[in-house]
N, C-alpha and C. Protein backbone atom coordinates (compact mmCIF):
# COMPACT_ATOMS: atom_id res chain seq x y z
N MET A 1 -36.97 -36.16 34.89
CA MET A 1 -36.86 -35.92 33.58
C MET A 1 -35.99 -37.02 33.09
N GLY A 2 -36.31 -37.74 32.05
CA GLY A 2 -35.66 -39.01 31.49
C GLY A 2 -34.15 -38.33 30.93
N GLN A 3 -33.21 -39.20 30.69
CA GLN A 3 -32.09 -38.81 29.99
C GLN A 3 -32.57 -38.39 28.33
N PHE A 4 -33.34 -39.03 27.74
CA PHE A 4 -33.52 -38.46 26.25
C PHE A 4 -34.39 -36.99 26.23
N GLN A 5 -35.23 -36.83 27.30
CA GLN A 5 -35.62 -35.56 27.45
C GLN A 5 -34.88 -34.49 27.71
N LEU A 6 -33.88 -34.82 28.64
CA LEU A 6 -32.83 -33.83 29.01
C LEU A 6 -31.92 -33.40 27.84
N SER A 7 -31.54 -34.58 27.01
CA SER A 7 -30.76 -34.08 25.88
C SER A 7 -31.46 -33.29 25.01
N ILE A 8 -32.59 -33.42 24.66
CA ILE A 8 -33.49 -32.45 23.97
C ILE A 8 -33.73 -31.20 24.48
N ALA A 9 -33.80 -31.05 25.70
CA ALA A 9 -33.69 -29.71 26.33
C ALA A 9 -32.55 -28.94 26.27
N ILE A 10 -31.38 -29.77 26.50
CA ILE A 10 -30.06 -29.03 26.15
C ILE A 10 -29.82 -28.62 24.74
N ASN A 11 -30.26 -29.44 23.75
CA ASN A 11 -29.95 -29.11 22.28
C ASN A 11 -30.88 -27.93 21.94
N ILE A 12 -32.16 -27.94 22.59
CA ILE A 12 -33.05 -26.80 22.22
C ILE A 12 -32.39 -25.68 22.72
N GLU A 13 -31.86 -25.51 24.05
CA GLU A 13 -31.17 -24.24 24.66
C GLU A 13 -30.13 -23.78 23.91
N LEU A 14 -28.98 -24.84 23.25
CA LEU A 14 -27.94 -24.51 22.61
C LEU A 14 -28.42 -23.64 21.39
N TYR A 15 -29.42 -24.22 20.79
CA TYR A 15 -30.07 -23.87 19.39
C TYR A 15 -30.42 -22.09 19.71
N PHE A 16 -30.95 -21.95 20.71
CA PHE A 16 -31.26 -20.50 20.71
C PHE A 16 -30.12 -19.89 21.29
N GLN A 17 -29.18 -20.14 22.10
CA GLN A 17 -28.23 -19.49 22.31
C GLN A 17 -27.17 -19.09 21.49
N THR A 18 -26.79 -20.09 20.27
CA THR A 18 -25.85 -20.00 19.48
C THR A 18 -26.37 -19.41 18.22
N ASP A 19 -25.91 -18.39 17.60
CA ASP A 19 -25.96 -17.81 16.33
C ASP A 19 -25.55 -18.72 15.37
N LEU A 20 -24.48 -19.36 15.38
CA LEU A 20 -23.78 -19.93 14.06
C LEU A 20 -24.50 -21.24 13.91
N LEU A 21 -25.25 -21.81 14.83
CA LEU A 21 -25.78 -23.07 14.60
C LEU A 21 -26.81 -23.06 13.28
N PRO A 22 -28.05 -22.22 13.14
CA PRO A 22 -28.45 -22.24 12.04
C PRO A 22 -27.77 -22.25 10.72
N ASP A 23 -26.78 -21.54 10.57
CA ASP A 23 -25.73 -21.55 9.36
C ASP A 23 -25.32 -22.95 9.26
N ARG A 24 -24.65 -23.63 10.22
CA ARG A 24 -24.39 -24.97 10.06
C ARG A 24 -25.18 -26.02 9.80
N LEU A 25 -26.55 -25.85 10.22
CA LEU A 25 -27.62 -26.72 10.05
C LEU A 25 -27.92 -26.35 8.39
N ALA A 26 -27.90 -25.34 7.81
CA ALA A 26 -28.36 -25.16 6.44
C ALA A 26 -27.00 -25.44 5.70
N LEU A 27 -25.96 -25.17 6.10
CA LEU A 27 -24.87 -26.05 5.30
C LEU A 27 -24.76 -27.31 5.15
N ARG A 28 -25.33 -28.08 6.40
CA ARG A 28 -25.36 -29.63 6.55
C ARG A 28 -26.52 -29.84 5.37
N MET A 29 -27.71 -29.07 5.38
CA MET A 29 -28.71 -29.58 4.61
C MET A 29 -28.22 -29.29 3.26
N THR A 30 -27.57 -28.35 2.85
CA THR A 30 -27.19 -27.98 1.42
C THR A 30 -26.15 -29.20 0.85
N THR A 31 -25.26 -29.53 1.69
CA THR A 31 -24.44 -30.74 1.43
C THR A 31 -25.02 -31.97 1.18
N ARG A 32 -26.23 -32.23 2.02
CA ARG A 32 -26.86 -33.56 1.87
C ARG A 32 -27.77 -33.34 0.61
N SER A 33 -28.39 -32.27 0.32
CA SER A 33 -28.94 -32.28 -0.74
C SER A 33 -28.16 -32.51 -2.00
N ASN A 34 -27.00 -31.74 -2.13
CA ASN A 34 -26.17 -31.86 -3.30
C ASN A 34 -25.63 -33.23 -3.45
N ARG A 35 -25.50 -33.93 -2.25
CA ARG A 35 -25.03 -35.45 -2.52
C ARG A 35 -26.24 -36.31 -3.01
N GLN A 36 -27.46 -35.94 -2.78
CA GLN A 36 -28.65 -36.69 -3.12
C GLN A 36 -28.61 -36.41 -4.78
N LYS A 37 -28.52 -35.15 -5.02
CA LYS A 37 -28.61 -34.75 -6.60
C LYS A 37 -27.67 -35.41 -7.41
N GLU A 38 -26.26 -35.53 -6.75
CA GLU A 38 -25.08 -36.06 -7.19
C GLU A 38 -25.46 -37.72 -7.70
N ALA A 39 -25.83 -38.19 -6.70
CA ALA A 39 -26.44 -39.62 -6.74
C ALA A 39 -27.36 -39.79 -7.90
N VAL A 40 -28.22 -39.04 -8.17
CA VAL A 40 -29.30 -39.05 -9.13
C VAL A 40 -28.76 -38.91 -10.54
N LEU A 41 -27.90 -37.85 -10.74
CA LEU A 41 -27.41 -37.56 -11.77
C LEU A 41 -26.14 -37.98 -12.08
N GLY A 42 -25.37 -38.54 -11.38
CA GLY A 42 -24.24 -39.39 -11.59
C GLY A 42 -23.24 -38.24 -11.81
N MET A 43 -23.07 -37.10 -11.44
CA MET A 43 -22.09 -36.11 -11.56
C MET A 43 -22.36 -35.07 -10.55
N PRO A 44 -21.25 -34.33 -10.24
CA PRO A 44 -21.59 -33.01 -9.34
C PRO A 44 -22.76 -32.00 -9.92
N PHE A 45 -23.60 -31.56 -8.98
CA PHE A 45 -24.90 -30.81 -9.40
C PHE A 45 -24.57 -29.73 -10.18
N GLY A 46 -23.35 -28.92 -9.65
CA GLY A 46 -23.03 -27.74 -10.76
C GLY A 46 -22.41 -28.22 -11.95
N THR A 47 -21.77 -29.38 -12.02
CA THR A 47 -21.11 -29.52 -13.55
C THR A 47 -22.63 -29.98 -14.36
N ALA A 48 -23.39 -30.73 -13.71
CA ALA A 48 -24.62 -30.87 -14.66
C ALA A 48 -25.37 -29.81 -15.18
N CYS A 49 -25.51 -28.76 -14.17
CA CYS A 49 -26.15 -27.33 -14.53
C CYS A 49 -25.42 -26.77 -15.54
N GLY A 50 -23.89 -26.64 -15.51
CA GLY A 50 -23.13 -26.02 -16.54
C GLY A 50 -23.11 -26.78 -17.90
N ARG A 51 -23.39 -28.17 -17.75
CA ARG A 51 -23.57 -28.84 -19.12
C ARG A 51 -25.01 -28.69 -19.68
N LEU A 52 -25.97 -28.60 -18.88
CA LEU A 52 -27.52 -28.14 -19.45
C LEU A 52 -27.45 -26.71 -19.90
N ARG A 53 -26.75 -25.86 -19.32
CA ARG A 53 -26.90 -24.60 -20.00
C ARG A 53 -26.15 -24.58 -21.21
N ARG A 54 -24.85 -25.23 -21.36
CA ARG A 54 -24.51 -25.08 -22.62
C ARG A 54 -25.26 -26.05 -23.64
N MET A 55 -25.98 -26.98 -23.43
CA MET A 55 -26.70 -27.70 -24.53
C MET A 55 -28.03 -26.75 -24.76
N MET A 56 -28.64 -25.98 -23.89
CA MET A 56 -29.35 -24.87 -24.12
C MET A 56 -29.31 -23.97 -25.06
N VAL A 57 -27.86 -23.34 -24.86
CA VAL A 57 -27.19 -22.42 -25.70
C VAL A 57 -27.11 -22.91 -27.22
N PHE A 58 -26.70 -24.16 -27.08
CA PHE A 58 -26.38 -24.98 -28.33
C PHE A 58 -27.80 -25.15 -29.25
N GLU A 59 -28.66 -25.67 -28.61
CA GLU A 59 -30.08 -26.00 -28.99
C GLU A 59 -30.67 -24.61 -29.45
N LEU A 60 -30.65 -23.49 -28.92
CA LEU A 60 -31.13 -22.15 -29.49
C LEU A 60 -30.34 -21.61 -30.55
N LEU A 61 -28.78 -21.82 -30.56
CA LEU A 61 -28.09 -21.61 -31.93
C LEU A 61 -28.72 -22.37 -33.17
N ARG A 62 -28.73 -23.71 -32.68
CA ARG A 62 -29.13 -24.62 -33.78
C ARG A 62 -30.39 -24.03 -34.71
N ARG A 63 -31.24 -23.74 -33.72
CA ARG A 63 -32.83 -23.48 -34.26
C ARG A 63 -32.68 -21.96 -35.11
N HIS A 64 -31.70 -21.24 -34.60
CA HIS A 64 -31.60 -19.98 -35.43
C HIS A 64 -30.59 -20.16 -36.58
N GLY A 65 -29.96 -21.13 -36.77
CA GLY A 65 -29.07 -21.51 -37.80
C GLY A 65 -27.68 -20.55 -37.34
N GLU A 66 -27.51 -20.27 -35.92
CA GLU A 66 -26.26 -19.55 -35.78
C GLU A 66 -25.22 -20.48 -35.30
N ASN A 67 -25.26 -21.62 -35.19
CA ASN A 67 -24.03 -22.61 -34.78
C ASN A 67 -23.22 -22.64 -35.77
N VAL A 68 -22.57 -21.52 -36.19
CA VAL A 68 -21.41 -21.33 -37.08
C VAL A 68 -20.09 -20.96 -36.40
N CYS A 69 -19.11 -21.54 -36.46
CA CYS A 69 -17.63 -21.01 -35.90
C CYS A 69 -17.30 -19.80 -36.22
N PHE A 70 -16.83 -18.78 -35.35
CA PHE A 70 -16.37 -17.55 -35.69
C PHE A 70 -15.10 -17.46 -36.40
N ARG A 71 -14.10 -18.53 -36.07
CA ARG A 71 -12.69 -18.54 -36.57
C ARG A 71 -12.96 -19.35 -38.08
N CYS A 72 -13.41 -20.48 -38.19
CA CYS A 72 -13.30 -21.27 -39.31
C CYS A 72 -14.40 -21.27 -40.38
N ASP A 73 -15.77 -20.61 -40.00
CA ASP A 73 -16.87 -20.55 -40.40
C ASP A 73 -17.71 -21.98 -40.77
N GLY A 74 -17.18 -22.94 -39.97
CA GLY A 74 -17.69 -24.46 -40.13
C GLY A 74 -18.79 -24.45 -39.07
N LEU A 75 -19.61 -25.62 -39.41
CA LEU A 75 -20.47 -25.92 -38.51
C LEU A 75 -20.16 -26.36 -36.89
N ILE A 76 -20.88 -26.02 -36.10
CA ILE A 76 -20.37 -26.75 -34.79
C ILE A 76 -21.47 -27.58 -34.43
N ASP A 77 -21.12 -28.92 -34.49
CA ASP A 77 -22.27 -30.12 -34.45
C ASP A 77 -22.77 -30.54 -33.14
N GLY A 78 -22.03 -29.89 -32.02
CA GLY A 78 -22.60 -30.45 -30.72
C GLY A 78 -22.31 -29.71 -29.53
N ALA A 79 -22.81 -29.80 -28.59
CA ALA A 79 -22.79 -28.79 -27.44
C ALA A 79 -21.27 -28.96 -26.80
N ASP A 80 -20.84 -30.16 -26.96
CA ASP A 80 -19.48 -30.50 -26.36
C ASP A 80 -18.48 -29.70 -26.97
N ASP A 81 -18.64 -29.39 -28.23
CA ASP A 81 -17.77 -28.55 -29.13
C ASP A 81 -18.04 -27.11 -29.17
N LEU A 82 -18.92 -26.59 -28.41
CA LEU A 82 -19.33 -25.23 -28.33
C LEU A 82 -18.39 -24.57 -27.19
N THR A 83 -17.80 -23.35 -27.56
CA THR A 83 -17.23 -22.51 -26.75
C THR A 83 -17.67 -21.10 -26.95
N LEU A 84 -17.53 -20.25 -26.11
CA LEU A 84 -17.92 -18.69 -25.86
C LEU A 84 -16.48 -18.06 -26.25
N GLU A 85 -16.34 -17.23 -27.18
CA GLU A 85 -15.10 -16.35 -27.28
C GLU A 85 -15.38 -14.85 -27.50
N HIS A 86 -14.29 -14.23 -27.28
CA HIS A 86 -14.36 -12.79 -27.42
C HIS A 86 -13.73 -12.58 -28.84
N LYS A 87 -14.15 -11.77 -29.60
CA LYS A 87 -13.78 -11.50 -30.70
C LYS A 87 -12.58 -10.65 -30.70
N GLN A 88 -12.50 -9.70 -29.93
CA GLN A 88 -11.33 -8.68 -29.63
C GLN A 88 -10.82 -9.14 -28.02
N SER A 89 -9.54 -9.29 -27.96
CA SER A 89 -9.32 -9.59 -26.45
C SER A 89 -9.65 -8.48 -25.41
N TRP A 90 -10.14 -8.93 -24.48
CA TRP A 90 -10.64 -8.03 -23.36
C TRP A 90 -9.30 -7.76 -22.56
N GLN A 91 -8.53 -8.69 -22.53
CA GLN A 91 -7.34 -8.49 -21.67
C GLN A 91 -6.32 -7.54 -22.04
N THR A 92 -6.18 -7.19 -23.08
CA THR A 92 -5.45 -6.08 -24.01
C THR A 92 -6.30 -4.84 -24.05
N ASN A 93 -7.56 -4.88 -24.23
CA ASN A 93 -8.47 -3.60 -24.68
C ASN A 93 -9.27 -3.15 -23.48
N GLY A 94 -9.20 -4.03 -22.41
CA GLY A 94 -9.96 -3.55 -21.00
C GLY A 94 -11.32 -4.22 -20.73
N ALA A 95 -11.86 -3.90 -19.66
CA ALA A 95 -12.95 -4.61 -19.04
C ALA A 95 -14.19 -4.46 -19.92
N ALA A 96 -14.28 -3.23 -20.67
CA ALA A 96 -15.62 -3.13 -21.46
C ALA A 96 -15.57 -3.97 -22.36
N PHE A 97 -14.62 -4.59 -23.04
CA PHE A 97 -14.70 -5.71 -24.04
C PHE A 97 -14.98 -6.90 -23.54
N PHE A 98 -14.95 -7.13 -22.37
CA PHE A 98 -15.33 -8.28 -21.63
C PHE A 98 -16.91 -8.47 -21.60
N TRP A 99 -17.63 -7.46 -21.17
CA TRP A 99 -19.05 -7.31 -21.05
C TRP A 99 -19.85 -6.92 -22.30
N ASP A 100 -19.09 -6.66 -23.17
CA ASP A 100 -19.72 -6.10 -24.57
C ASP A 100 -20.33 -7.36 -25.18
N VAL A 101 -21.61 -7.42 -25.22
CA VAL A 101 -22.17 -8.57 -26.01
C VAL A 101 -21.87 -8.80 -27.35
N ASN A 102 -21.80 -7.48 -27.92
CA ASN A 102 -21.37 -7.58 -29.67
C ASN A 102 -20.10 -8.02 -29.69
N ASN A 103 -19.34 -8.22 -28.60
CA ASN A 103 -17.91 -8.70 -28.82
C ASN A 103 -17.68 -10.31 -28.62
N ILE A 104 -19.20 -10.87 -28.39
CA ILE A 104 -19.05 -12.21 -28.05
C ILE A 104 -19.50 -12.91 -29.27
N ALA A 105 -18.83 -14.26 -29.56
CA ALA A 105 -18.98 -15.09 -30.80
C ALA A 105 -18.79 -16.52 -30.11
N PHE A 106 -19.01 -17.35 -31.11
CA PHE A 106 -19.01 -18.97 -30.60
C PHE A 106 -18.19 -19.49 -31.71
N SER A 107 -17.32 -20.63 -31.27
CA SER A 107 -16.44 -21.24 -32.19
C SER A 107 -16.02 -22.75 -31.52
N HIS A 108 -15.46 -23.24 -32.31
CA HIS A 108 -15.22 -24.78 -31.86
C HIS A 108 -14.31 -24.72 -30.93
N VAL A 109 -14.07 -25.87 -30.13
CA VAL A 109 -12.92 -26.16 -29.06
C VAL A 109 -11.78 -25.81 -29.59
N ARG A 110 -11.51 -26.64 -30.72
CA ARG A 110 -10.29 -26.59 -31.20
C ARG A 110 -9.73 -25.33 -31.93
N CYS A 111 -10.87 -24.04 -32.38
CA CYS A 111 -10.51 -22.97 -32.98
C CYS A 111 -10.33 -21.91 -31.95
N ASN A 112 -10.68 -22.18 -30.76
CA ASN A 112 -10.64 -21.22 -29.70
C ASN A 112 -9.33 -21.28 -29.14
N ILE A 113 -8.25 -20.43 -29.82
CA ILE A 113 -7.17 -20.40 -28.92
C ILE A 113 -6.72 -18.81 -29.09
N ARG A 114 -5.84 -18.30 -28.12
CA ARG A 114 -5.61 -17.13 -28.28
C ARG A 114 -4.68 -16.46 -29.12
N ASP A 115 -4.73 -15.14 -29.62
CA ASP A 115 -4.17 -14.68 -30.72
C ASP A 115 -2.46 -14.85 -30.63
N GLY A 116 -1.91 -15.22 -31.46
CA GLY A 116 -0.42 -15.31 -31.37
C GLY A 116 0.13 -16.78 -30.97
N TYR A 117 -0.89 -17.55 -30.79
CA TYR A 117 -0.68 -19.10 -30.50
C TYR A 117 -0.43 -19.87 -31.48
N VAL A 118 0.45 -20.64 -31.58
CA VAL A 118 0.58 -21.55 -32.62
C VAL A 118 0.50 -22.93 -32.03
N LYS A 119 -0.46 -23.81 -32.55
CA LYS A 119 -0.57 -25.29 -31.95
C LYS A 119 0.33 -26.00 -32.95
N ARG A 120 1.34 -26.69 -32.16
CA ARG A 120 2.26 -27.28 -32.78
C ARG A 120 1.59 -28.87 -33.19
N GLU A 121 1.59 -29.06 -34.39
CA GLU A 121 1.06 -30.50 -35.25
C GLU A 121 2.28 -31.16 -36.08
N ILE A 122 2.04 -32.22 -36.06
CA ILE A 122 2.93 -33.05 -36.89
C ILE A 122 2.34 -33.17 -38.21
N ILE A 123 3.16 -32.31 -39.19
CA ILE A 123 2.74 -32.40 -40.41
C ILE A 123 3.61 -32.90 -41.46
N ASP A 124 3.30 -33.84 -42.31
CA ASP A 124 4.11 -34.41 -43.14
C ASP A 124 5.44 -35.10 -42.61
N GLY A 125 5.32 -35.53 -41.14
CA GLY A 125 6.32 -36.19 -40.47
C GLY A 125 7.53 -35.16 -40.04
N LYS A 126 6.78 -33.79 -39.97
CA LYS A 126 7.53 -32.90 -39.45
C LYS A 126 7.15 -31.98 -38.33
N LEU A 127 7.94 -31.18 -37.51
CA LEU A 127 7.63 -30.35 -36.45
C LEU A 127 8.40 -29.18 -36.31
N TRP A 128 7.61 -28.16 -35.73
CA TRP A 128 7.99 -26.78 -35.67
C TRP A 128 8.84 -26.68 -34.52
N CYS A 129 10.30 -26.19 -34.70
CA CYS A 129 10.93 -25.65 -33.55
C CYS A 129 11.08 -24.26 -33.51
N PRO A 130 10.60 -23.88 -32.17
CA PRO A 130 10.59 -22.39 -32.02
C PRO A 130 11.89 -21.70 -31.78
N SER A 131 12.84 -22.54 -31.44
CA SER A 131 14.14 -22.18 -31.25
C SER A 131 14.98 -21.66 -32.29
N CYS A 132 14.94 -22.66 -33.11
CA CYS A 132 15.75 -22.22 -34.62
C CYS A 132 14.60 -21.94 -35.93
N SER A 133 13.56 -21.94 -35.39
CA SER A 133 12.47 -21.46 -36.49
C SER A 133 12.46 -22.16 -37.62
N GLN A 134 12.52 -23.46 -37.40
CA GLN A 134 12.50 -24.33 -38.61
C GLN A 134 11.41 -25.72 -38.63
N SER A 135 11.03 -26.12 -39.47
CA SER A 135 10.28 -27.16 -39.55
C SER A 135 11.00 -28.38 -39.85
N LEU A 136 11.42 -29.36 -38.81
CA LEU A 136 12.26 -30.51 -39.07
C LEU A 136 11.62 -31.70 -38.90
N LEU A 137 12.25 -32.75 -39.24
CA LEU A 137 11.71 -34.23 -39.07
C LEU A 137 11.59 -34.39 -37.73
N ILE A 138 10.36 -35.33 -37.45
CA ILE A 138 10.38 -35.62 -36.12
C ILE A 138 11.63 -36.57 -35.29
N GLU A 139 12.28 -36.99 -36.29
CA GLU A 139 13.53 -37.72 -35.90
C GLU A 139 14.53 -36.86 -35.05
N CYS A 140 14.42 -35.33 -35.28
CA CYS A 140 15.32 -34.48 -34.82
C CYS A 140 14.74 -34.03 -33.46
N PHE A 141 13.78 -34.59 -32.80
CA PHE A 141 13.58 -34.33 -31.69
C PHE A 141 13.41 -35.59 -30.76
N HIS A 142 13.70 -35.10 -29.47
CA HIS A 142 13.45 -36.16 -28.44
C HIS A 142 12.09 -36.54 -28.06
N ARG A 143 11.81 -37.84 -27.83
CA ARG A 143 10.73 -38.30 -27.41
C ARG A 143 10.10 -37.76 -25.78
N GLU A 144 9.06 -37.23 -25.77
CA GLU A 144 8.46 -36.70 -24.72
C GLU A 144 7.20 -37.05 -24.59
N ARG A 145 6.80 -37.93 -23.46
CA ARG A 145 5.43 -38.23 -23.24
C ARG A 145 4.51 -37.15 -22.72
N ARG A 146 5.06 -36.32 -21.87
CA ARG A 146 4.25 -35.30 -21.48
C ARG A 146 3.50 -34.46 -22.27
N GLU A 147 4.35 -34.33 -23.69
CA GLU A 147 3.88 -33.35 -24.62
C GLU A 147 2.62 -34.07 -25.53
N ARG A 148 1.72 -33.04 -25.82
CA ARG A 148 0.76 -33.50 -26.55
C ARG A 148 1.08 -34.25 -27.79
N THR A 149 2.12 -33.81 -28.58
CA THR A 149 2.61 -34.41 -29.84
C THR A 149 3.36 -35.78 -29.53
N GLY A 150 4.10 -35.78 -28.37
CA GLY A 150 4.89 -36.86 -28.06
C GLY A 150 6.38 -36.74 -28.30
N TYR A 151 6.63 -35.48 -28.54
CA TYR A 151 8.10 -35.06 -28.95
C TYR A 151 8.33 -33.82 -28.17
N ALA A 152 9.57 -33.51 -27.87
CA ALA A 152 10.08 -32.27 -26.95
C ALA A 152 9.63 -31.24 -27.84
N PRO A 153 9.37 -29.96 -27.05
CA PRO A 153 9.42 -28.63 -27.77
C PRO A 153 10.41 -28.16 -28.58
N ARG A 154 11.66 -28.30 -28.37
CA ARG A 154 12.86 -27.93 -29.06
C ARG A 154 13.32 -29.33 -29.92
N CYS A 155 14.16 -29.01 -30.95
CA CYS A 155 14.95 -30.03 -31.61
C CYS A 155 16.11 -30.44 -30.74
N LYS A 156 16.62 -31.41 -31.12
CA LYS A 156 17.84 -32.01 -30.32
C LYS A 156 19.17 -31.03 -30.29
N SER A 157 19.20 -30.37 -31.50
CA SER A 157 20.44 -29.44 -31.71
C SER A 157 19.93 -28.18 -30.72
N CYS A 158 19.08 -27.60 -30.86
CA CYS A 158 18.61 -26.56 -29.80
C CYS A 158 18.61 -27.16 -28.25
N ASN A 159 18.04 -28.37 -28.17
CA ASN A 159 18.18 -28.51 -26.89
C ASN A 159 19.60 -28.91 -26.24
N ASN A 160 20.46 -29.33 -26.94
CA ASN A 160 22.04 -29.42 -26.48
C ASN A 160 22.72 -28.08 -26.48
N ALA A 161 22.25 -27.23 -27.26
CA ALA A 161 22.98 -26.08 -27.00
C ALA A 161 22.58 -25.35 -25.88
N LYS A 162 21.14 -25.48 -25.24
CA LYS A 162 20.88 -25.00 -24.28
C LYS A 162 21.52 -25.42 -23.17
N ARG A 163 21.70 -26.73 -23.17
CA ARG A 163 22.59 -27.52 -21.99
C ARG A 163 23.83 -27.13 -21.93
N ARG A 164 24.17 -26.87 -22.91
CA ARG A 164 25.80 -26.58 -23.07
C ARG A 164 25.97 -24.89 -22.41
N LYS A 165 24.79 -24.27 -22.64
CA LYS A 165 25.04 -22.92 -21.91
C LYS A 165 24.91 -23.09 -20.45
N ILE A 166 24.52 -23.83 -19.90
CA ILE A 166 24.24 -23.87 -18.60
C ILE A 166 25.08 -24.91 -17.90
N LYS A 167 26.20 -25.19 -18.75
CA LYS A 167 27.17 -26.46 -18.10
C LYS A 167 27.87 -25.94 -16.93
N ALA A 168 27.96 -26.81 -15.75
CA ALA A 168 28.50 -26.47 -14.56
C ALA A 168 29.89 -26.59 -14.67
N ARG A 169 30.60 -25.66 -13.69
CA ARG A 169 31.80 -25.81 -13.76
C ARG A 169 32.71 -26.38 -12.29
N GLY A 170 31.88 -26.24 -11.19
CA GLY A 170 32.30 -26.68 -10.01
C GLY A 170 32.47 -28.03 -9.51
N ASN A 171 32.94 -28.04 -8.15
CA ASN A 171 33.34 -29.54 -7.93
C ASN A 171 31.97 -30.31 -7.20
N CYS A 172 32.15 -31.62 -6.76
CA CYS A 172 30.91 -32.09 -6.40
C CYS A 172 30.63 -31.59 -4.88
N VAL A 173 29.35 -31.21 -4.60
CA VAL A 173 29.07 -30.43 -3.45
C VAL A 173 28.39 -31.60 -2.34
N SER A 174 28.51 -32.72 -2.97
CA SER A 174 27.96 -33.74 -1.75
C SER A 174 29.34 -34.51 -1.42
N CYS A 175 30.30 -34.98 -2.03
CA CYS A 175 31.38 -35.75 -1.68
C CYS A 175 32.43 -34.89 -1.86
N GLY A 176 32.51 -33.68 -2.31
CA GLY A 176 33.76 -33.00 -2.52
C GLY A 176 34.79 -33.44 -3.69
N ALA A 177 34.22 -34.35 -4.65
CA ALA A 177 35.03 -34.64 -5.58
C ALA A 177 35.41 -33.74 -6.75
N ILE A 178 36.60 -33.51 -7.15
CA ILE A 178 37.09 -32.79 -8.04
C ILE A 178 36.72 -33.05 -9.27
N ARG A 179 36.05 -32.10 -9.97
CA ARG A 179 35.62 -32.21 -11.26
C ARG A 179 36.72 -32.68 -12.41
N ASP A 180 36.26 -33.50 -13.22
CA ASP A 180 37.31 -34.17 -14.28
C ASP A 180 38.02 -35.45 -13.77
N THR A 181 37.75 -35.62 -12.48
CA THR A 181 38.65 -36.70 -12.03
C THR A 181 37.54 -38.11 -11.88
N LYS A 182 36.26 -37.58 -12.09
CA LYS A 182 35.28 -38.87 -12.10
C LYS A 182 34.05 -38.33 -12.91
N PRO A 183 33.39 -39.28 -13.58
CA PRO A 183 32.01 -38.85 -14.17
C PRO A 183 31.16 -37.77 -13.23
N PHE A 184 30.76 -36.87 -14.07
CA PHE A 184 30.07 -35.60 -13.44
C PHE A 184 28.84 -35.32 -14.17
N ARG A 185 27.78 -34.92 -13.46
CA ARG A 185 26.67 -34.38 -14.28
C ARG A 185 27.11 -32.90 -14.87
N VAL A 186 26.48 -33.02 -16.10
CA VAL A 186 26.91 -32.04 -17.03
C VAL A 186 26.60 -30.58 -16.62
N SER A 187 25.27 -30.47 -16.31
CA SER A 187 24.51 -29.25 -15.84
C SER A 187 24.53 -28.86 -14.33
N HIS A 188 25.15 -29.95 -13.31
CA HIS A 188 25.03 -29.56 -11.88
C HIS A 188 26.43 -29.97 -11.37
N ASN A 189 26.63 -29.44 -10.32
CA ASN A 189 27.59 -29.44 -9.59
C ASN A 189 27.89 -30.76 -8.53
N ILE A 190 27.69 -31.85 -9.27
CA ILE A 190 27.41 -33.26 -8.55
C ILE A 190 27.95 -34.37 -9.43
N CYS A 191 28.83 -35.21 -8.74
CA CYS A 191 29.09 -36.38 -9.70
C CYS A 191 28.13 -37.29 -9.72
N SER A 192 28.32 -38.09 -10.90
CA SER A 192 27.04 -39.10 -10.95
C SER A 192 26.71 -40.18 -10.08
N GLU A 193 28.04 -40.46 -9.13
CA GLU A 193 27.70 -41.53 -8.22
C GLU A 193 26.78 -40.88 -7.17
N CYS A 194 27.22 -39.75 -6.86
CA CYS A 194 26.08 -39.06 -5.68
C CYS A 194 24.95 -38.82 -6.25
N HIS A 195 24.80 -38.40 -7.36
CA HIS A 195 23.49 -38.10 -7.94
C HIS A 195 22.61 -39.26 -8.16
N GLN A 196 23.14 -40.47 -8.44
CA GLN A 196 22.42 -41.83 -8.32
C GLN A 196 21.94 -42.01 -6.99
N THR A 197 22.74 -41.89 -6.08
CA THR A 197 22.46 -42.17 -4.75
C THR A 197 21.38 -41.30 -3.93
N GLN A 198 21.17 -40.05 -4.53
CA GLN A 198 20.11 -38.98 -4.21
C GLN A 198 19.05 -39.53 -4.85
N THR A 199 19.17 -39.92 -5.96
CA THR A 199 17.93 -40.24 -6.76
C THR A 199 17.13 -41.36 -5.99
N LEU A 200 18.06 -42.23 -6.06
CA LEU A 200 17.47 -43.65 -5.20
C LEU A 200 16.84 -43.36 -3.90
N ALA A 201 17.53 -42.38 -3.05
CA ALA A 201 16.99 -42.06 -1.75
C ALA A 201 15.85 -41.12 -1.91
N ASN A 202 15.57 -40.22 -2.68
CA ASN A 202 14.59 -39.61 -2.97
C ASN A 202 13.10 -40.42 -3.50
N ARG A 203 13.45 -41.45 -4.25
CA ARG A 203 12.63 -42.36 -4.74
C ARG A 203 11.98 -43.06 -3.59
N LYS A 204 12.83 -43.77 -2.70
CA LYS A 204 12.57 -44.59 -1.46
C LYS A 204 11.71 -43.41 -0.41
N SER A 205 11.84 -42.46 -0.58
CA SER A 205 11.36 -41.47 0.58
C SER A 205 9.66 -41.21 -0.22
N ARG A 206 9.77 -41.16 -1.25
CA ARG A 206 8.31 -40.91 -2.01
C ARG A 206 7.58 -41.98 -1.85
N LEU A 207 8.07 -43.38 -1.95
CA LEU A 207 7.27 -44.42 -1.87
C LEU A 207 6.93 -44.87 -0.41
N HIS A 208 7.80 -44.27 0.69
CA HIS A 208 7.57 -44.66 1.93
C HIS A 208 6.38 -43.46 2.27
N LYS A 209 6.44 -42.33 1.87
CA LYS A 209 5.48 -41.18 2.18
C LYS A 209 3.99 -41.86 1.53
N GLN A 210 4.12 -42.15 0.46
CA GLN A 210 2.80 -42.75 -0.56
C GLN A 210 2.18 -43.98 0.62
N ARG A 211 2.86 -44.77 0.92
CA ARG A 211 2.29 -45.82 1.76
C ARG A 211 2.03 -45.39 3.06
N THR A 212 2.57 -44.57 3.62
CA THR A 212 2.05 -44.02 4.93
C THR A 212 0.86 -43.24 5.08
N GLN A 213 0.70 -42.35 3.64
CA GLN A 213 -0.46 -41.70 3.34
C GLN A 213 -1.78 -42.66 3.30
N LYS A 214 -1.72 -43.62 2.73
CA LYS A 214 -2.59 -44.76 2.37
C LYS A 214 -3.00 -45.65 3.72
């Protein structure tokens, strides 16, 4: 028997002796099929199916003239702006409200927000501060890139008041320096010099880790 024939015989024997092998083969075939579909569609197959379902729902709503927002009564112009929402919250009323089709409505993406949630917007150059419950000029807020509006959630006064509440009183935990003898971090028991040293060390460590992973 040649080496090639021997290899085939061994694989056939393993196939009939191992119960997990068919599952692995099926998983392999499914993965390969999904990759082929993704290459054709230009996106994951599951994402494409979800998008197609949303397009079909929107088309049916449009044909029957029911593409109207439950919140603002405005027309929903496209499938990308269509969301499914519950008229009454099922999280507070129970699971029955989740499955009740009479409790289902359609709305814009921008309108589909939970009850009691206030979306912060810049109106006439002002922003709402939830801490002091006032609408203040944007100059009263620190800049914050991570926020959608580009400004911090609280105004400068409320932010400073919160920082004063958590003002630290102890000495430096790193070098043992006594507070008030040199510059210290206001909200931490560490001097500014040690804090800067630790920050630089942490930054170098992160950069080294990123380079190692690459």
